[in-house]
Amino acid sequence: SGDTSMSDLSVFAGSETSIGSEILVDSEASSSDT
């Protein structure tokens, strides 16, 4: 989980710690928002 694709990201967010998913989401949100 992590370097596969968006699909795996969903599993990563649910399986791994919330912190990990939060970081990923924050990164995407920052890029998209900007």
Foldseek 3Di string as FASTA:
>chain_A
DPPDDPVVLVVCCVPPDVVVNVVVVVVVCVVVVD
